[in-house]
Amino acid sequence: MEDFKKAMEEISKSLQRMVEDLKEKKDYRLVEEGDEVRIEIDMPGLEPADIALSVTKDGTAVRAEGARGERKYSKYIRLPLKVDPSTVSALYRNGVLIVTAKKVKEEEIRVPVRG
């Protein structure tokens, strides 16, 4: 019985490592440069006309989809910051979709404290 318990613990640890590896596997890169952010998404084998790109109204997420023959991509990226959707531009080069946008500056509001 003890051997079975040890084997199950090893299987559980192995599965946990696999799940963590999958979470870390990203086919995109996010680069912040000054007041801009650049998202590079690997989507090889497509043409620019094959790609549909959208940004949420509040600038918190990007969705890129593309298909050509057997190649299909669908990527939803929740951004760790907000971008201005009206500033988004995209370029597809060498199998990489490059999305650039201006970051939205957080507004700080003074709140009076009463005593």
N, C-alpha and C. Protein backbone atom coordinates (compact mmCIF):
# COMPACT_ATOMS: atom_id res chain seq x y z
N MET A 1 0.82 -1.19 0.00
CA MET A 1 0.00 0.00 0.00
C MET A 1 0.87 1.26 0.00
N GLU A 2 1.98 1.20 0.72
CA GLU A 2 2.89 2.35 0.80
C GLU A 2 3.49 2.65 -0.57
N ASP A 3 3.82 1.61 -1.34
CA ASP A 3 4.38 1.80 -2.69
C ASP A 3 3.37 2.49 -3.60
N PHE A 4 2.11 2.09 -3.49
CA PHE A 4 1.06 2.70 -4.29
C PHE A 4 0.91 4.18 -3.95
N LYS A 5 0.98 4.50 -2.68
CA LYS A 5 0.86 5.88 -2.22
C LYS A 5 2.01 6.73 -2.78
N LYS A 6 3.23 6.20 -2.73
CA LYS A 6 4.38 6.91 -3.26
C LYS A 6 4.26 7.12 -4.76
N ALA A 7 3.79 6.10 -5.47
CA ALA A 7 3.62 6.21 -6.92
C ALA A 7 2.59 7.28 -7.26
N MET A 8 1.51 7.33 -6.51
CA MET A 8 0.48 8.33 -6.76
C MET A 8 1.01 9.74 -6.47
N GLU A 9 1.82 9.89 -5.45
CA GLU A 9 2.41 11.19 -5.14
C GLU A 9 3.34 11.64 -6.27
N GLU A 10 4.12 10.72 -6.82
CA GLU A 10 5.02 11.04 -7.92
C GLU A 10 4.23 11.45 -9.16
N ILE A 11 3.15 10.73 -9.45
CA ILE A 11 2.30 11.07 -10.59
C ILE A 11 1.69 12.45 -10.40
N SER A 12 1.23 12.73 -9.20
CA SER A 12 0.64 14.03 -8.90
C SER A 12 1.66 15.15 -9.08
N LYS A 13 2.87 14.97 -8.58
CA LYS A 13 3.93 15.97 -8.74
C LYS A 13 4.26 16.18 -10.21
N SER A 14 4.33 15.09 -10.96
CA SER A 14 4.64 15.17 -12.38
C SER A 14 3.56 15.94 -13.14
N LEU A 15 2.30 15.67 -12.85
CA LEU A 15 1.19 16.39 -13.49
C LEU A 15 1.22 17.86 -13.13
N GLN A 16 1.52 18.18 -11.89
CA GLN A 16 1.60 19.57 -11.46
C GLN A 16 2.69 20.31 -12.23
N ARG A 17 3.85 19.67 -12.42
CA ARG A 17 4.94 20.29 -13.18
C ARG A 17 4.51 20.53 -14.63
N MET A 18 3.78 19.58 -15.22
CA MET A 18 3.31 19.73 -16.60
C MET A 18 2.36 20.91 -16.72
N VAL A 19 1.45 21.06 -15.77
CA VAL A 19 0.49 22.17 -15.78
C VAL A 19 1.24 23.50 -15.66
N GLU A 20 2.21 23.57 -14.76
CA GLU A 20 2.99 24.80 -14.59
C GLU A 20 3.78 25.13 -15.85
N ASP A 21 4.35 24.12 -16.51
CA ASP A 21 5.08 24.34 -17.76
C ASP A 21 4.16 24.89 -18.84
N LEU A 22 2.94 24.37 -18.93
CA LEU A 22 1.98 24.85 -19.93
C LEU A 22 1.58 26.29 -19.66
N LYS A 23 1.42 26.65 -18.40
CA LYS A 23 1.07 28.03 -18.06
C LYS A 23 2.17 28.99 -18.48
N GLU A 24 3.41 28.57 -18.35
CA GLU A 24 4.54 29.45 -18.66
C GLU A 24 4.83 29.52 -20.15
N LYS A 25 4.35 28.55 -20.93
CA LYS A 25 4.63 28.54 -22.37
C LYS A 25 3.81 29.63 -23.04
N LYS A 26 4.50 30.63 -23.52
CA LYS A 26 3.83 31.74 -24.18
C LYS A 26 4.33 31.85 -25.60
N ASP A 27 3.42 32.07 -26.52
CA ASP A 27 3.81 32.28 -27.90
C ASP A 27 3.68 33.76 -28.25
N TYR A 28 3.87 34.59 -27.23
CA TYR A 28 3.88 36.03 -27.44
C TYR A 28 4.85 36.67 -26.44
N ARG A 29 5.25 37.89 -26.76
CA ARG A 29 6.12 38.67 -25.89
C ARG A 29 5.51 40.05 -25.72
N LEU A 30 5.62 40.60 -24.54
CA LEU A 30 5.10 41.93 -24.25
C LEU A 30 6.29 42.80 -23.85
N VAL A 31 6.47 43.90 -24.58
CA VAL A 31 7.61 44.79 -24.34
C VAL A 31 7.08 46.20 -24.10
N GLU A 32 7.47 46.79 -22.97
CA GLU A 32 7.09 48.18 -22.68
C GLU A 32 8.27 49.08 -23.01
N GLU A 33 8.00 50.12 -23.79
CA GLU A 33 9.03 51.09 -24.15
C GLU A 33 8.45 52.49 -23.98
N GLY A 34 8.84 53.17 -22.92
CA GLY A 34 8.32 54.51 -22.66
C GLY A 34 6.81 54.48 -22.48
N ASP A 35 6.11 55.28 -23.30
CA ASP A 35 4.65 55.34 -23.18
C ASP A 35 3.95 54.38 -24.13
N GLU A 36 4.71 53.46 -24.74
CA GLU A 36 4.13 52.48 -25.66
C GLU A 36 4.33 51.06 -25.15
N VAL A 37 3.50 50.19 -25.67
CA VAL A 37 3.64 48.76 -25.41
C VAL A 37 3.63 48.05 -26.76
N ARG A 38 4.46 47.03 -26.89
CA ARG A 38 4.53 46.23 -28.12
C ARG A 38 4.26 44.78 -27.75
N ILE A 39 3.35 44.17 -28.48
CA ILE A 39 3.02 42.76 -28.29
C ILE A 39 3.43 42.03 -29.55
N GLU A 40 4.29 41.04 -29.41
CA GLU A 40 4.75 40.25 -30.55
C GLU A 40 4.16 38.85 -30.42
N ILE A 41 3.34 38.46 -31.40
CA ILE A 41 2.63 37.19 -31.35
C ILE A 41 3.13 36.30 -32.48
N ASP A 42 3.62 35.11 -32.15
CA ASP A 42 4.09 34.17 -33.16
C ASP A 42 2.89 33.56 -33.89
N MET A 43 2.81 33.80 -35.21
CA MET A 43 1.73 33.28 -36.05
C MET A 43 2.30 32.94 -37.42
N PRO A 44 3.23 31.99 -37.50
CA PRO A 44 3.89 31.70 -38.78
C PRO A 44 2.95 31.10 -39.84
N GLY A 45 3.31 31.35 -41.09
CA GLY A 45 2.59 30.72 -42.20
C GLY A 45 1.35 31.45 -42.67
N LEU A 46 1.17 32.69 -42.27
CA LEU A 46 -0.01 33.44 -42.67
C LEU A 46 0.38 34.62 -43.55
N GLU A 47 -0.62 35.28 -44.08
CA GLU A 47 -0.46 36.54 -44.79
C GLU A 47 -1.21 37.59 -43.97
N PRO A 48 -0.85 38.86 -44.09
CA PRO A 48 -1.57 39.89 -43.32
C PRO A 48 -3.09 39.83 -43.49
N ALA A 49 -3.56 39.53 -44.69
CA ALA A 49 -5.01 39.48 -44.94
C ALA A 49 -5.68 38.30 -44.22
N ASP A 50 -4.91 37.33 -43.75
CA ASP A 50 -5.46 36.16 -43.05
C ASP A 50 -5.73 36.44 -41.58
N ILE A 51 -5.30 37.60 -41.08
CA ILE A 51 -5.32 37.87 -39.65
C ILE A 51 -6.41 38.87 -39.29
N ALA A 52 -7.18 38.55 -38.26
CA ALA A 52 -8.17 39.47 -37.69
C ALA A 52 -7.67 39.86 -36.31
N LEU A 53 -7.62 41.16 -36.06
CA LEU A 53 -7.10 41.67 -34.80
C LEU A 53 -8.13 42.59 -34.17
N SER A 54 -8.36 42.44 -32.87
CA SER A 54 -9.26 43.35 -32.17
C SER A 54 -8.71 43.65 -30.79
N VAL A 55 -9.11 44.82 -30.28
CA VAL A 55 -8.70 45.27 -28.96
C VAL A 55 -9.97 45.64 -28.21
N THR A 56 -10.06 45.27 -26.95
CA THR A 56 -11.25 45.60 -26.18
C THR A 56 -11.39 47.11 -26.04
N LYS A 57 -12.64 47.57 -25.89
CA LYS A 57 -12.91 49.01 -25.79
C LYS A 57 -12.16 49.67 -24.65
N ASP A 58 -12.01 48.93 -23.54
CA ASP A 58 -11.31 49.52 -22.40
C ASP A 58 -9.80 49.30 -22.47
N GLY A 59 -9.32 48.66 -23.54
CA GLY A 59 -7.88 48.51 -23.75
C GLY A 59 -7.19 47.54 -22.82
N THR A 60 -7.92 46.54 -22.32
CA THR A 60 -7.31 45.59 -21.40
C THR A 60 -6.97 44.24 -22.03
N ALA A 61 -7.34 44.04 -23.30
CA ALA A 61 -7.08 42.74 -23.92
C ALA A 61 -6.97 42.88 -25.44
N VAL A 62 -6.23 41.92 -26.03
CA VAL A 62 -6.04 41.85 -27.47
C VAL A 62 -6.42 40.45 -27.92
N ARG A 63 -7.12 40.37 -29.05
CA ARG A 63 -7.45 39.06 -29.64
C ARG A 63 -6.93 39.05 -31.07
N ALA A 64 -6.14 38.02 -31.38
CA ALA A 64 -5.61 37.84 -32.73
C ALA A 64 -6.04 36.47 -33.22
N GLU A 65 -6.62 36.43 -34.42
CA GLU A 65 -7.04 35.16 -35.01
C GLU A 65 -6.56 35.13 -36.45
N GLY A 66 -6.18 33.95 -36.88
CA GLY A 66 -5.73 33.82 -38.25
C GLY A 66 -5.88 32.39 -38.73
N ALA A 67 -6.10 32.22 -40.03
CA ALA A 67 -6.23 30.88 -40.60
C ALA A 67 -5.81 30.90 -42.06
N ARG A 68 -5.10 29.85 -42.43
CA ARG A 68 -4.72 29.65 -43.82
C ARG A 68 -4.47 28.16 -43.99
N GLY A 69 -5.31 27.52 -44.77
CA GLY A 69 -5.17 26.08 -44.95
C GLY A 69 -5.28 25.36 -43.62
N GLU A 70 -4.26 24.59 -43.28
CA GLU A 70 -4.24 23.83 -42.04
C GLU A 70 -3.86 24.68 -40.82
N ARG A 71 -3.28 25.84 -41.04
CA ARG A 71 -2.81 26.68 -39.93
C ARG A 71 -3.95 27.55 -39.40
N LYS A 72 -4.19 27.40 -38.10
CA LYS A 72 -5.21 28.20 -37.44
C LYS A 72 -4.63 28.70 -36.13
N TYR A 73 -4.86 29.97 -35.86
CA TYR A 73 -4.38 30.58 -34.62
C TYR A 73 -5.52 31.35 -33.98
N SER A 74 -5.56 31.29 -32.68
CA SER A 74 -6.50 32.11 -31.92
C SER A 74 -5.81 32.44 -30.61
N LYS A 75 -5.59 33.71 -30.38
CA LYS A 75 -4.85 34.13 -29.20
C LYS A 75 -5.59 35.27 -28.52
N TYR A 76 -5.91 35.09 -27.25
CA TYR A 76 -6.53 36.12 -26.43
C TYR A 76 -5.52 36.47 -25.35
N ILE A 77 -5.12 37.72 -25.31
CA ILE A 77 -4.10 38.15 -24.36
C ILE A 77 -4.69 39.22 -23.45
N ARG A 78 -4.79 38.91 -22.17
CA ARG A 78 -5.22 39.90 -21.19
C ARG A 78 -3.98 40.70 -20.83
N LEU A 79 -4.06 41.99 -21.06
CA LEU A 79 -2.90 42.86 -20.85
C LEU A 79 -2.75 43.22 -19.37
N PRO A 80 -1.51 43.32 -18.89
CA PRO A 80 -1.28 43.71 -17.50
C PRO A 80 -1.38 45.23 -17.29
N LEU A 81 -1.75 45.94 -18.37
CA LEU A 81 -1.90 47.39 -18.34
C LEU A 81 -2.96 47.76 -19.35
N LYS A 82 -3.42 49.00 -19.33
CA LYS A 82 -4.42 49.44 -20.30
C LYS A 82 -3.74 50.18 -21.44
N VAL A 83 -4.30 49.99 -22.65
CA VAL A 83 -3.83 50.71 -23.82
C VAL A 83 -4.98 51.52 -24.40
N ASP A 84 -4.63 52.54 -25.19
CA ASP A 84 -5.63 53.35 -25.87
C ASP A 84 -5.95 52.65 -27.19
N PRO A 85 -7.14 52.05 -27.33
CA PRO A 85 -7.48 51.31 -28.55
C PRO A 85 -7.35 52.12 -29.83
N SER A 86 -7.53 53.44 -29.76
CA SER A 86 -7.45 54.26 -30.96
C SER A 86 -6.02 54.43 -31.47
N THR A 87 -5.03 54.02 -30.68
CA THR A 87 -3.62 54.16 -31.08
C THR A 87 -3.01 52.86 -31.57
N VAL A 88 -3.79 51.79 -31.62
CA VAL A 88 -3.26 50.48 -31.98
C VAL A 88 -2.89 50.42 -33.45
N SER A 89 -1.71 49.88 -33.72
CA SER A 89 -1.30 49.60 -35.10
C SER A 89 -0.71 48.20 -35.12
N ALA A 90 -0.73 47.57 -36.29
CA ALA A 90 -0.24 46.19 -36.39
C ALA A 90 0.57 46.01 -37.66
N LEU A 91 1.58 45.16 -37.55
CA LEU A 91 2.47 44.84 -38.65
C LEU A 91 2.74 43.34 -38.58
N TYR A 92 2.69 42.68 -39.72
CA TYR A 92 2.99 41.23 -39.76
C TYR A 92 4.26 41.04 -40.57
N ARG A 93 5.29 40.49 -39.92
CA ARG A 93 6.57 40.31 -40.60
C ARG A 93 7.25 39.03 -40.10
N ASN A 94 7.71 38.22 -41.05
CA ASN A 94 8.46 36.99 -40.73
C ASN A 94 7.73 36.08 -39.74
N GLY A 95 6.42 35.95 -39.90
CA GLY A 95 5.66 35.04 -39.05
C GLY A 95 5.30 35.59 -37.69
N VAL A 96 5.57 36.88 -37.47
CA VAL A 96 5.27 37.49 -36.17
C VAL A 96 4.35 38.69 -36.38
N LEU A 97 3.24 38.70 -35.65
CA LEU A 97 2.33 39.84 -35.65
C LEU A 97 2.81 40.79 -34.56
N ILE A 98 3.09 42.03 -34.95
CA ILE A 98 3.59 43.02 -34.00
C ILE A 98 2.50 44.08 -33.81
N VAL A 99 1.98 44.15 -32.60
CA VAL A 99 0.91 45.08 -32.25
C VAL A 99 1.52 46.15 -31.34
N THR A 100 1.32 47.41 -31.71
CA THR A 100 1.86 48.52 -30.93
C THR A 100 0.72 49.44 -30.51
N ALA A 101 0.79 49.94 -29.28
CA ALA A 101 -0.24 50.86 -28.78
C ALA A 101 0.34 51.74 -27.69
N LYS A 102 -0.31 52.88 -27.49
CA LYS A 102 0.07 53.78 -26.42
C LYS A 102 -0.57 53.29 -25.12
N LYS A 103 0.20 53.34 -24.05
CA LYS A 103 -0.33 52.98 -22.74
C LYS A 103 -1.22 54.11 -22.23
N VAL A 104 -2.23 53.75 -21.46
CA VAL A 104 -3.10 54.73 -20.83
C VAL A 104 -2.50 55.03 -19.46
N LYS A 105 -2.30 56.30 -19.20
CA LYS A 105 -1.75 56.68 -17.90
C LYS A 105 -2.84 56.60 -16.86
N GLU A 106 -2.48 56.01 -15.73
CA GLU A 106 -3.45 55.93 -14.64
C GLU A 106 -3.66 57.30 -14.05
N GLU A 107 -4.91 57.61 -13.83
CA GLU A 107 -5.22 58.89 -13.21
C GLU A 107 -5.30 58.71 -11.71
N GLU A 108 -4.73 59.66 -11.03
CA GLU A 108 -4.78 59.62 -9.57
C GLU A 108 -5.74 60.72 -9.12
N ILE A 109 -6.66 60.36 -8.28
CA ILE A 109 -7.66 61.31 -7.81
C ILE A 109 -7.44 61.55 -6.32
N ARG A 110 -7.36 62.83 -5.97
CA ARG A 110 -7.22 63.19 -4.56
C ARG A 110 -8.55 63.01 -3.85
N VAL A 111 -8.51 62.36 -2.74
CA VAL A 111 -9.72 62.15 -1.94
C VAL A 111 -9.54 62.88 -0.61
N PRO A 112 -10.42 63.83 -0.34
CA PRO A 112 -10.29 64.55 0.93
C PRO A 112 -10.63 63.64 2.11
N VAL A 113 -9.86 63.79 3.16
CA VAL A 113 -10.09 62.99 4.36
C VAL A 113 -10.66 63.94 5.43
N ARG A 114 -11.80 63.56 5.94
CA ARG A 114 -12.45 64.38 6.95
C ARG A 114 -12.16 63.81 8.33
N GLY A 115 -12.18 64.67 9.27
CA GLY A 115 -11.90 64.23 10.63
C GLY A 115 -13.02 64.55 11.57
